[in-house]
All heavy atoms as atom14 arrays in JSON, in Angstrom:
{
  "sequence": "YRQTADPDEVREQFLPVAEETARQYGLKLFEGRRIFELRPPI",
  "atom14_mask": [
    [1, 1, 1, 1, 1, 1, 1, 1, 1, 1, 1, 1, 0, 0],
    [1, 1, 1, 1, 1, 1, 1, 1, 1, 1, 1, 0, 0, 0],
    [1, 1, 1, 1, 1, 1, 1, 1, 1, 0, 0, 0, 0, 0],
    [1, 1, 1, 1, 1, 1, 1, 0, 0, 0, 0, 0, 0, 0],
    [1, 1, 1, 1, 1, 0, 0, 0, 0, 0, 0, 0, 0, 0],
    [1, 1, 1, 1, 1, 1, 1, 1, 0, 0, 0, 0, 0, 0],
    [1, 1, 1, 1, 1, 1, 1, 0, 0, 0, 0, 0, 0, 0],
    [1, 1, 1, 1, 1, 1, 1, 1, 0, 0, 0, 0, 0, 0],
    [1, 1, 1, 1, 1, 1, 1, 1, 1, 0, 0, 0, 0, 0],
    [1, 1, 1, 1, 1, 1, 1, 0, 0, 0, 0, 0, 0, 0],
    [1, 1, 1, 1, 1, 1, 1, 1, 1, 1, 1, 0, 0, 0],
    [1, 1, 1, 1, 1, 1, 1, 1, 1, 0, 0, 0, 0, 0],
    [1, 1, 1, 1, 1, 1, 1, 1, 1, 0, 0, 0, 0, 0],
    [1, 1, 1, 1, 1, 1, 1, 1, 1, 1, 1, 0, 0, 0],
    [1, 1, 1, 1, 1, 1, 1, 1, 0, 0, 0, 0, 0, 0],
    [1, 1, 1, 1, 1, 1, 1, 0, 0, 0, 0, 0, 0, 0],
    [1, 1, 1, 1, 1, 1, 1, 0, 0, 0, 0, 0, 0, 0],
    [1, 1, 1, 1, 1, 0, 0, 0, 0, 0, 0, 0, 0, 0],
    [1, 1, 1, 1, 1, 1, 1, 1, 1, 0, 0, 0, 0, 0],
    [1, 1, 1, 1, 1, 1, 1, 1, 1, 0, 0, 0, 0, 0],
    [1, 1, 1, 1, 1, 1, 1, 0, 0, 0, 0, 0, 0, 0],
    [1, 1, 1, 1, 1, 0, 0, 0, 0, 0, 0, 0, 0, 0],
    [1, 1, 1, 1, 1, 1, 1, 1, 1, 1, 1, 0, 0, 0],
    [1, 1, 1, 1, 1, 1, 1, 1, 1, 0, 0, 0, 0, 0],
    [1, 1, 1, 1, 1, 1, 1, 1, 1, 1, 1, 1, 0, 0],
    [1, 1, 1, 1, 0, 0, 0, 0, 0, 0, 0, 0, 0, 0],
    [1, 1, 1, 1, 1, 1, 1, 1, 0, 0, 0, 0, 0, 0],
    [1, 1, 1, 1, 1, 1, 1, 1, 1, 0, 0, 0, 0, 0],
    [1, 1, 1, 1, 1, 1, 1, 1, 0, 0, 0, 0, 0, 0],
    [1, 1, 1, 1, 1, 1, 1, 1, 1, 1, 1, 0, 0, 0],
    [1, 1, 1, 1, 1, 1, 1, 1, 1, 0, 0, 0, 0, 0],
    [1, 1, 1, 1, 0, 0, 0, 0, 0, 0, 0, 0, 0, 0],
    [1, 1, 1, 1, 1, 1, 1, 1, 1, 1, 1, 0, 0, 0],
    [1, 1, 1, 1, 1, 1, 1, 1, 1, 1, 1, 0, 0, 0],
    [1, 1, 1, 1, 1, 1, 1, 1, 0, 0, 0, 0, 0, 0],
    [1, 1, 1, 1, 1, 1, 1, 1, 1, 1, 1, 0, 0, 0],
    [1, 1, 1, 1, 1, 1, 1, 1, 1, 0, 0, 0, 0, 0],
    [1, 1, 1, 1, 1, 1, 1, 1, 0, 0, 0, 0, 0, 0],
    [1, 1, 1, 1, 1, 1, 1, 1, 1, 1, 1, 0, 0, 0],
    [1, 1, 1, 1, 1, 1, 1, 0, 0, 0, 0, 0, 0, 0],
    [1, 1, 1, 1, 1, 1, 1, 0, 0, 0, 0, 0, 0, 0],
    [1, 1, 1, 1, 1, 1, 1, 1, 0, 0, 0, 0, 0, 0]
  ],
  "atom14_positions": [
    [[0.81, -1.22, 0.0], [0.0, 0.0, 0.0], [0.85, 1.27, 0.0], [0.38, 2.37, 0.27], [-1.0, 0.0, 1.16], [-0.4, -0.12, 2.55], [-0.11, 1.02, 3.31], [-0.18, -1.36, 3.13], [0.4, 0.91, 4.6], [0.34, -1.48, 4.4], [0.62, -0.34, 5.14], [1.12, -0.46, 6.42], [0.0, 0.0, 0.0], [0.0, 0.0, 0.0]],
    [[2.12, 1.14, -0.34], [3.02, 2.29, -0.4], [2.55, 3.34, -1.42], [2.77, 4.54, -1.24], [4.44, 1.81, -0.75], [5.5, 2.91, -0.78], [6.85, 2.34, -1.21], [7.35, 1.37, -0.25], [8.07, 1.68, 0.82], [8.38, 2.94, 1.07], [8.5, 0.74, 1.63], [0.0, 0.0, 0.0], [0.0, 0.0, 0.0], [0.0, 0.0, 0.0]],
    [[1.92, 2.87, -2.51], [1.54, 3.78, -3.59], [0.15, 4.39, -3.4], [-0.34, 5.09, -4.29], [1.58, 3.03, -4.91], [2.98, 2.62, -5.37], [3.86, 3.84, -5.62], [3.57, 4.67, -6.45], [4.94, 3.94, -4.86], [0.0, 0.0, 0.0], [0.0, 0.0, 0.0], [0.0, 0.0, 0.0], [0.0, 0.0, 0.0], [0.0, 0.0, 0.0]],
    [[-0.5, 4.16, -2.28], [-1.82, 4.75, -2.05], [-1.68, 6.23, -1.71], [-0.6, 6.7, -1.32], [-2.55, 4.02, -0.91], [-1.76, 4.12, 0.29], [-2.75, 2.56, -1.26], [0.0, 0.0, 0.0], [0.0, 0.0, 0.0], [0.0, 0.0, 0.0], [0.0, 0.0, 0.0], [0.0, 0.0, 0.0], [0.0, 0.0, 0.0], [0.0, 0.0, 0.0]],
    [[-2.78, 6.95, -1.83], [-2.74, 8.4, -1.58], [-2.4, 8.72, -0.13], [-1.69, 9.7, 0.15], [-4.09, 9.01, -1.95], [0.0, 0.0, 0.0], [0.0, 0.0, 0.0], [0.0, 0.0, 0.0], [0.0, 0.0, 0.0], [0.0, 0.0, 0.0], [0.0, 0.0, 0.0], [0.0, 0.0, 0.0], [0.0, 0.0, 0.0], [0.0, 0.0, 0.0]],
    [[-2.89, 7.92, 0.81], [-2.61, 8.14, 2.24], [-2.33, 6.78, 2.88], [-3.23, 6.12, 3.4], [-3.82, 8.81, 2.91], [-3.52, 9.22, 4.36], [-2.56, 8.69, 4.94], [-4.28, 10.08, 4.88], [0.0, 0.0, 0.0], [0.0, 0.0, 0.0], [0.0, 0.0, 0.0], [0.0, 0.0, 0.0], [0.0, 0.0, 0.0], [0.0, 0.0, 0.0]],
    [[-1.07, 6.32, 2.84], [-0.74, 4.98, 3.35], [-1.15, 4.74, 4.81], [-1.6, 3.64, 5.14], [0.79, 4.9, 3.19], [1.09, 5.86, 2.08], [0.11, 6.98, 2.25], [0.0, 0.0, 0.0], [0.0, 0.0, 0.0], [0.0, 0.0, 0.0], [0.0, 0.0, 0.0], [0.0, 0.0, 0.0], [0.0, 0.0, 0.0], [0.0, 0.0, 0.0]],
    [[-1.02, 5.74, 5.67], [-1.39, 5.55, 7.07], [-2.89, 5.31, 7.22], [-3.32, 4.44, 7.98], [-0.97, 6.78, 7.9], [0.54, 6.9, 8.02], [1.24, 5.87, 7.94], [1.03, 8.04, 8.18], [0.0, 0.0, 0.0], [0.0, 0.0, 0.0], [0.0, 0.0, 0.0], [0.0, 0.0, 0.0], [0.0, 0.0, 0.0], [0.0, 0.0, 0.0]],
    [[-3.68, 6.07, 6.48], [-5.13, 5.9, 6.53], [-5.53, 4.54, 5.93], [-6.41, 3.86, 6.46], [-5.82, 7.04, 5.77], [-7.33, 6.92, 5.69], [-8.01, 6.97, 7.05], [-7.43, 7.55, 8.0], [-9.14, 6.43, 7.16], [0.0, 0.0, 0.0], [0.0, 0.0, 0.0], [0.0, 0.0, 0.0], [0.0, 0.0, 0.0], [0.0, 0.0, 0.0]],
    [[-4.88, 4.17, 4.83], [-5.18, 2.89, 4.19], [-4.86, 1.74, 5.14], [-5.62, 0.76, 5.23], [-4.4, 2.75, 2.87], [-4.43, 1.3, 2.37], [-4.99, 3.67, 1.82], [0.0, 0.0, 0.0], [0.0, 0.0, 0.0], [0.0, 0.0, 0.0], [0.0, 0.0, 0.0], [0.0, 0.0, 0.0], [0.0, 0.0, 0.0], [0.0, 0.0, 0.0]],
    [[-3.76, 1.85, 5.87], [-3.42, 0.78, 6.82], [-4.52, 0.62, 7.85], [-4.93, -0.51, 8.16], [-2.1, 1.1, 7.53], [-1.72, 0.02, 8.54], [-0.63, 0.44, 9.5], [-0.42, -0.63, 10.49], [-1.14, -0.74, 11.61], [-2.12, 0.13, 11.88], [-0.9, -1.73, 12.45], [0.0, 0.0, 0.0], [0.0, 0.0, 0.0], [0.0, 0.0, 0.0]],
    [[-5.0, 1.72, 8.4], [-6.05, 1.65, 9.41], [-7.33, 1.02, 8.84], [-8.0, 0.24, 9.5], [-6.36, 3.05, 9.94], [-5.23, 3.65, 10.77], [-4.87, 2.8, 11.98], [-5.8, 2.35, 12.7], [-3.67, 2.55, 12.21], [0.0, 0.0, 0.0], [0.0, 0.0, 0.0], [0.0, 0.0, 0.0], [0.0, 0.0, 0.0], [0.0, 0.0, 0.0]],
    [[-7.66, 1.37, 7.61], [-8.88, 0.85, 6.99], [-8.76, -0.63, 6.63], [-9.72, -1.4, 6.77], [-9.22, 1.65, 5.73], [-9.69, 3.06, 5.98], [-10.13, 3.73, 4.68], [-10.7, 3.09, 3.8], [-9.86, 5.02, 4.56], [0.0, 0.0, 0.0], [0.0, 0.0, 0.0], [0.0, 0.0, 0.0], [0.0, 0.0, 0.0], [0.0, 0.0, 0.0]],
    [[-7.58, -1.02, 6.15], [-7.44, -2.37, 5.59], [-6.98, -3.4, 6.62], [-7.16, -4.61, 6.4], [-6.47, -2.36, 4.41], [-6.61, -3.56, 3.51], [-7.62, -3.61, 2.56], [-5.75, -4.64, 3.62], [-7.77, -4.72, 1.74], [-5.88, -5.75, 2.8], [-6.91, -5.78, 1.85], [0.0, 0.0, 0.0], [0.0, 0.0, 0.0], [0.0, 0.0, 0.0]],
    [[-6.43, -2.97, 7.73], [-5.93, -3.93, 8.73], [-7.01, -4.93, 9.16], [-6.73, -6.14, 9.23], [-5.37, -3.18, 9.94], [-4.83, -4.06, 11.08], [-3.72, -4.98, 10.6], [-4.34, -3.19, 12.24], [0.0, 0.0, 0.0], [0.0, 0.0, 0.0], [0.0, 0.0, 0.0], [0.0, 0.0, 0.0], [0.0, 0.0, 0.0], [0.0, 0.0, 0.0]],
    [[-8.25, -4.51, 9.44], [-9.28, -5.5, 9.81], [-9.54, -6.52, 8.69], [-9.81, -7.69, 8.98], [-10.51, -4.64, 10.06], [-9.98, -3.29, 10.41], [-8.74, -3.13, 9.56], [0.0, 0.0, 0.0], [0.0, 0.0, 0.0], [0.0, 0.0, 0.0], [0.0, 0.0, 0.0], [0.0, 0.0, 0.0], [0.0, 0.0, 0.0], [0.0, 0.0, 0.0]],
    [[-9.44, -6.1, 7.43], [-9.63, -7.02, 6.31], [-8.51, -8.06, 6.29], [-8.76, -9.26, 6.11], [-9.67, -6.25, 4.97], [-9.77, -7.23, 3.79], [-10.83, -5.26, 4.95], [0.0, 0.0, 0.0], [0.0, 0.0, 0.0], [0.0, 0.0, 0.0], [0.0, 0.0, 0.0], [0.0, 0.0, 0.0], [0.0, 0.0, 0.0], [0.0, 0.0, 0.0]],
    [[-7.28, -7.59, 6.47], [-6.13, -8.5, 6.48], [-6.23, -9.48, 7.63], [-5.96, -10.68, 7.48], [-4.83, -7.69, 6.57], [0.0, 0.0, 0.0], [0.0, 0.0, 0.0], [0.0, 0.0, 0.0], [0.0, 0.0, 0.0], [0.0, 0.0, 0.0], [0.0, 0.0, 0.0], [0.0, 0.0, 0.0], [0.0, 0.0, 0.0], [0.0, 0.0, 0.0]],
    [[-6.63, -8.99, 8.8], [-6.77, -9.87, 9.98], [-7.88, -10.91, 9.76], [-7.7, -12.08, 10.09], [-7.07, -9.02, 11.21], [-5.9, -8.16, 11.65], [-6.26, -7.22, 12.79], [-7.46, -6.85, 12.91], [-5.36, -6.83, 13.55], [0.0, 0.0, 0.0], [0.0, 0.0, 0.0], [0.0, 0.0, 0.0], [0.0, 0.0, 0.0], [0.0, 0.0, 0.0]],
    [[-8.99, -10.47, 9.2], [-10.1, -11.39, 8.92], [-9.7, -12.47, 7.92], [-10.01, -13.65, 8.09], [-11.29, -10.59, 8.38], [-12.46, -11.44, 7.95], [-13.5, -10.64, 7.17], [-13.61, -9.42, 7.39], [-14.2, -11.24, 6.32], [0.0, 0.0, 0.0], [0.0, 0.0, 0.0], [0.0, 0.0, 0.0], [0.0, 0.0, 0.0], [0.0, 0.0, 0.0]],
    [[-8.98, -12.07, 6.87], [-8.55, -13.02, 5.85], [-7.59, -14.05, 6.44], [-7.68, -15.25, 6.14], [-7.89, -12.28, 4.68], [-8.78, -11.29, 4.17], [-7.5, -13.24, 3.56], [0.0, 0.0, 0.0], [0.0, 0.0, 0.0], [0.0, 0.0, 0.0], [0.0, 0.0, 0.0], [0.0, 0.0, 0.0], [0.0, 0.0, 0.0], [0.0, 0.0, 0.0]],
    [[-6.67, -13.57, 7.27], [-5.71, -14.49, 7.9], [-6.45, -15.51, 8.76], [-6.15, -16.72, 8.7], [-4.71, -13.7, 8.74], [0.0, 0.0, 0.0], [0.0, 0.0, 0.0], [0.0, 0.0, 0.0], [0.0, 0.0, 0.0], [0.0, 0.0, 0.0], [0.0, 0.0, 0.0], [0.0, 0.0, 0.0], [0.0, 0.0, 0.0], [0.0, 0.0, 0.0]],
    [[-7.41, -15.06, 9.55], [-8.17, -15.99, 10.41], [-8.97, -16.98, 9.58], [-8.99, -18.18, 9.87], [-9.13, -15.19, 11.33], [-8.47, -14.5, 12.5], [-9.51, -14.06, 13.51], [-10.5, -13.15, 12.91], [-10.37, -11.84, 12.86], [-9.31, -11.26, 13.38], [-11.32, -11.09, 12.31], [0.0, 0.0, 0.0], [0.0, 0.0, 0.0], [0.0, 0.0, 0.0]],
    [[-9.65, -16.47, 8.55], [-10.54, -17.32, 7.75], [-9.8, -18.46, 7.07], [-10.33, -19.57, 6.94], [-11.26, -16.46, 6.72], [-12.26, -17.25, 5.86], [-13.03, -16.34, 4.91], [-12.9, -15.12, 4.95], [-13.82, -16.96, 4.04], [0.0, 0.0, 0.0], [0.0, 0.0, 0.0], [0.0, 0.0, 0.0], [0.0, 0.0, 0.0], [0.0, 0.0, 0.0]],
    [[-8.55, -18.19, 6.63], [-7.81, -19.2, 5.85], [-6.65, -19.83, 6.63], [-5.81, -20.5, 6.05], [-7.33, -18.58, 4.54], [-8.48, -18.22, 3.64], [-8.97, -16.92, 3.61], [-9.13, -19.18, 2.88], [-10.06, -16.59, 2.82], [-10.22, -18.87, 2.08], [-10.68, -17.56, 2.06], [-11.77, -17.25, 1.29], [0.0, 0.0, 0.0], [0.0, 0.0, 0.0]],
    [[-6.64, -19.6, 7.94], [-5.64, -20.27, 8.78], [-4.22, -19.82, 8.51], [-3.28, -20.63, 8.6], [0.0, 0.0, 0.0], [0.0, 0.0, 0.0], [0.0, 0.0, 0.0], [0.0, 0.0, 0.0], [0.0, 0.0, 0.0], [0.0, 0.0, 0.0], [0.0, 0.0, 0.0], [0.0, 0.0, 0.0], [0.0, 0.0, 0.0], [0.0, 0.0, 0.0]],
    [[-4.02, -18.54, 8.2], [-2.69, -18.0, 7.92], [-2.27, -17.02, 9.01], [-3.06, -16.66, 9.88], [-2.7, -17.29, 6.55], [-3.17, -18.15, 5.37], [-3.29, -17.31, 4.11], [-2.22, -19.34, 5.16], [0.0, 0.0, 0.0], [0.0, 0.0, 0.0], [0.0, 0.0, 0.0], [0.0, 0.0, 0.0], [0.0, 0.0, 0.0], [0.0, 0.0, 0.0]],
    [[-1.03, -16.6, 8.98], [-0.52, -15.62, 9.94], [-0.29, -14.29, 9.23], [0.21, -14.26, 8.11], [0.78, -16.1, 10.59], [0.6, -17.25, 11.55], [1.88, -17.54, 12.32], [2.18, -16.43, 13.32], [3.34, -16.76, 14.19], [0.0, 0.0, 0.0], [0.0, 0.0, 0.0], [0.0, 0.0, 0.0], [0.0, 0.0, 0.0], [0.0, 0.0, 0.0]],
    [[-0.65, -13.21, 9.91], [-0.49, -11.86, 9.36], [0.78, -11.22, 9.9], [1.02, -11.23, 11.1], [-1.71, -11.0, 9.71], [-1.62, -9.53, 9.32], [-1.55, -9.36, 7.81], [-2.81, -8.76, 9.9], [0.0, 0.0, 0.0], [0.0, 0.0, 0.0], [0.0, 0.0, 0.0], [0.0, 0.0, 0.0], [0.0, 0.0, 0.0], [0.0, 0.0, 0.0]],
    [[1.59, -10.67, 8.98], [2.79, -9.92, 9.34], [2.7, -8.55, 8.66], [2.06, -8.4, 7.62], [4.06, -10.64, 8.88], [4.31, -11.94, 9.56], [3.69, -13.11, 9.12], [5.16, -12.02, 10.65], [3.91, -14.32, 9.75], [5.39, -13.23, 11.3], [4.77, -14.39, 10.84], [0.0, 0.0, 0.0], [0.0, 0.0, 0.0], [0.0, 0.0, 0.0]],
    [[3.38, -7.57, 9.25], [3.45, -6.25, 8.63], [4.9, -5.86, 8.42], [5.77, -6.15, 9.24], [2.76, -5.2, 9.51], [1.25, -5.33, 9.56], [0.6, -4.12, 10.17], [0.64, -3.03, 9.55], [0.05, -4.26, 11.29], [0.0, 0.0, 0.0], [0.0, 0.0, 0.0], [0.0, 0.0, 0.0], [0.0, 0.0, 0.0], [0.0, 0.0, 0.0]],
    [[5.15, -5.2, 7.28], [6.49, -4.69, 6.97], [6.39, -3.24, 6.56], [5.5, -2.51, 7.0], [0.0, 0.0, 0.0], [0.0, 0.0, 0.0], [0.0, 0.0, 0.0], [0.0, 0.0, 0.0], [0.0, 0.0, 0.0], [0.0, 0.0, 0.0], [0.0, 0.0, 0.0], [0.0, 0.0, 0.0], [0.0, 0.0, 0.0], [0.0, 0.0, 0.0]],
    [[7.32, -2.81, 5.69], [7.33, -1.43, 5.22], [6.17, -1.22, 4.25], [6.25, -1.59, 3.09], [8.65, -1.1, 4.51], [9.88, -1.19, 5.4], [11.09, -0.68, 4.61], [12.33, -0.86, 5.34], [13.2, -1.83, 5.15], [12.93, -2.75, 4.22], [14.31, -1.91, 5.84], [0.0, 0.0, 0.0], [0.0, 0.0, 0.0], [0.0, 0.0, 0.0]],
    [[5.08, -0.63, 4.73], [3.9, -0.36, 3.9], [3.42, -1.63, 3.2], [3.11, -1.64, 2.01], [4.2, 0.72, 2.85], [4.78, 2.01, 3.39], [3.79, 2.73, 4.28], [4.22, 4.11, 4.55], [3.66, 4.92, 5.43], [2.64, 4.48, 6.16], [4.09, 6.14, 5.61], [0.0, 0.0, 0.0], [0.0, 0.0, 0.0], [0.0, 0.0, 0.0]],
    [[3.34, -2.71, 3.97], [2.97, -3.98, 3.37], [2.33, -4.88, 4.42], [2.72, -4.87, 5.6], [4.22, -4.68, 2.77], [3.84, -5.94, 2.01], [5.24, -5.0, 3.84], [5.02, -6.58, 1.3], [0.0, 0.0, 0.0], [0.0, 0.0, 0.0], [0.0, 0.0, 0.0], [0.0, 0.0, 0.0], [0.0, 0.0, 0.0], [0.0, 0.0, 0.0]],
    [[1.29, -5.62, 4.03], [0.74, -6.72, 4.81], [1.21, -8.01, 4.16], [1.25, -8.12, 2.94], [-0.79, -6.71, 4.79], [-1.42, -5.51, 5.45], [-2.07, -4.55, 4.68], [-1.39, -5.35, 6.83], [-2.67, -3.45, 5.27], [-1.98, -4.25, 7.43], [-2.62, -3.29, 6.65], [0.0, 0.0, 0.0], [0.0, 0.0, 0.0], [0.0, 0.0, 0.0]],
    [[1.56, -9.0, 4.98], [1.94, -10.3, 4.45], [1.15, -11.4, 5.14], [1.03, -11.41, 6.36], [3.44, -10.55, 4.64], [4.31, -9.68, 3.76], [5.73, -10.2, 3.66], [6.2, -10.85, 4.62], [6.38, -9.94, 2.64], [0.0, 0.0, 0.0], [0.0, 0.0, 0.0], [0.0, 0.0, 0.0], [0.0, 0.0, 0.0], [0.0, 0.0, 0.0]],
    [[0.63, -12.32, 4.34], [-0.05, -13.5, 4.85], [0.83, -14.7, 4.57], [1.18, -14.97, 3.42], [-1.41, -13.66, 4.17], [-2.42, -12.52, 4.42], [-3.7, -12.78, 3.63], [-2.72, -12.37, 5.9], [0.0, 0.0, 0.0], [0.0, 0.0, 0.0], [0.0, 0.0, 0.0], [0.0, 0.0, 0.0], [0.0, 0.0, 0.0], [0.0, 0.0, 0.0]],
    [[1.2, -15.41, 5.63], [2.12, -16.54, 5.51], [1.53, -17.77, 6.19], [0.68, -17.66, 7.08], [3.47, -16.23, 6.17], [4.14, -14.95, 5.71], [5.45, -14.78, 6.43], [5.98, -13.43, 6.36], [6.99, -12.98, 7.1], [7.58, -13.8, 7.97], [7.4, -11.73, 6.98], [0.0, 0.0, 0.0], [0.0, 0.0, 0.0], [0.0, 0.0, 0.0]],
    [[2.0, -18.96, 5.83], [1.58, -20.17, 6.54], [1.97, -20.08, 8.01], [3.02, -19.51, 8.35], [2.35, -21.29, 5.82], [2.7, -20.72, 4.5], [2.92, -19.26, 4.73], [0.0, 0.0, 0.0], [0.0, 0.0, 0.0], [0.0, 0.0, 0.0], [0.0, 0.0, 0.0], [0.0, 0.0, 0.0], [0.0, 0.0, 0.0], [0.0, 0.0, 0.0]],
    [[1.19, -20.67, 8.9], [1.49, -20.61, 10.34], [2.51, -21.66, 10.76], [2.23, -22.55, 11.56], [0.12, -20.86, 10.98], [-0.55, -21.78, 10.01], [-0.09, -21.33, 8.63], [0.0, 0.0, 0.0], [0.0, 0.0, 0.0], [0.0, 0.0, 0.0], [0.0, 0.0, 0.0], [0.0, 0.0, 0.0], [0.0, 0.0, 0.0], [0.0, 0.0, 0.0]],
    [[3.69, -21.56, 10.22], [4.74, -22.53, 10.53], [5.97, -21.77, 11.01], [6.21, -20.64, 10.62], [5.09, -23.4, 9.31], [5.53, -22.52, 8.13], [3.91, -24.26, 8.92], [5.96, -23.3, 6.92], [0.0, 0.0, 0.0], [0.0, 0.0, 0.0], [0.0, 0.0, 0.0], [0.0, 0.0, 0.0], [0.0, 0.0, 0.0], [0.0, 0.0, 0.0]]
  ]
}
């Protein structure tokens, strides 16, 4: 989300979506530099 108009605002809006997706598909959520990552829970 680095290229969005307001990355900080986008993070706040999209974080619940990322968390929900991780829970629904049994993955782990990580955050980096303007990035959400979904990885296997290993």
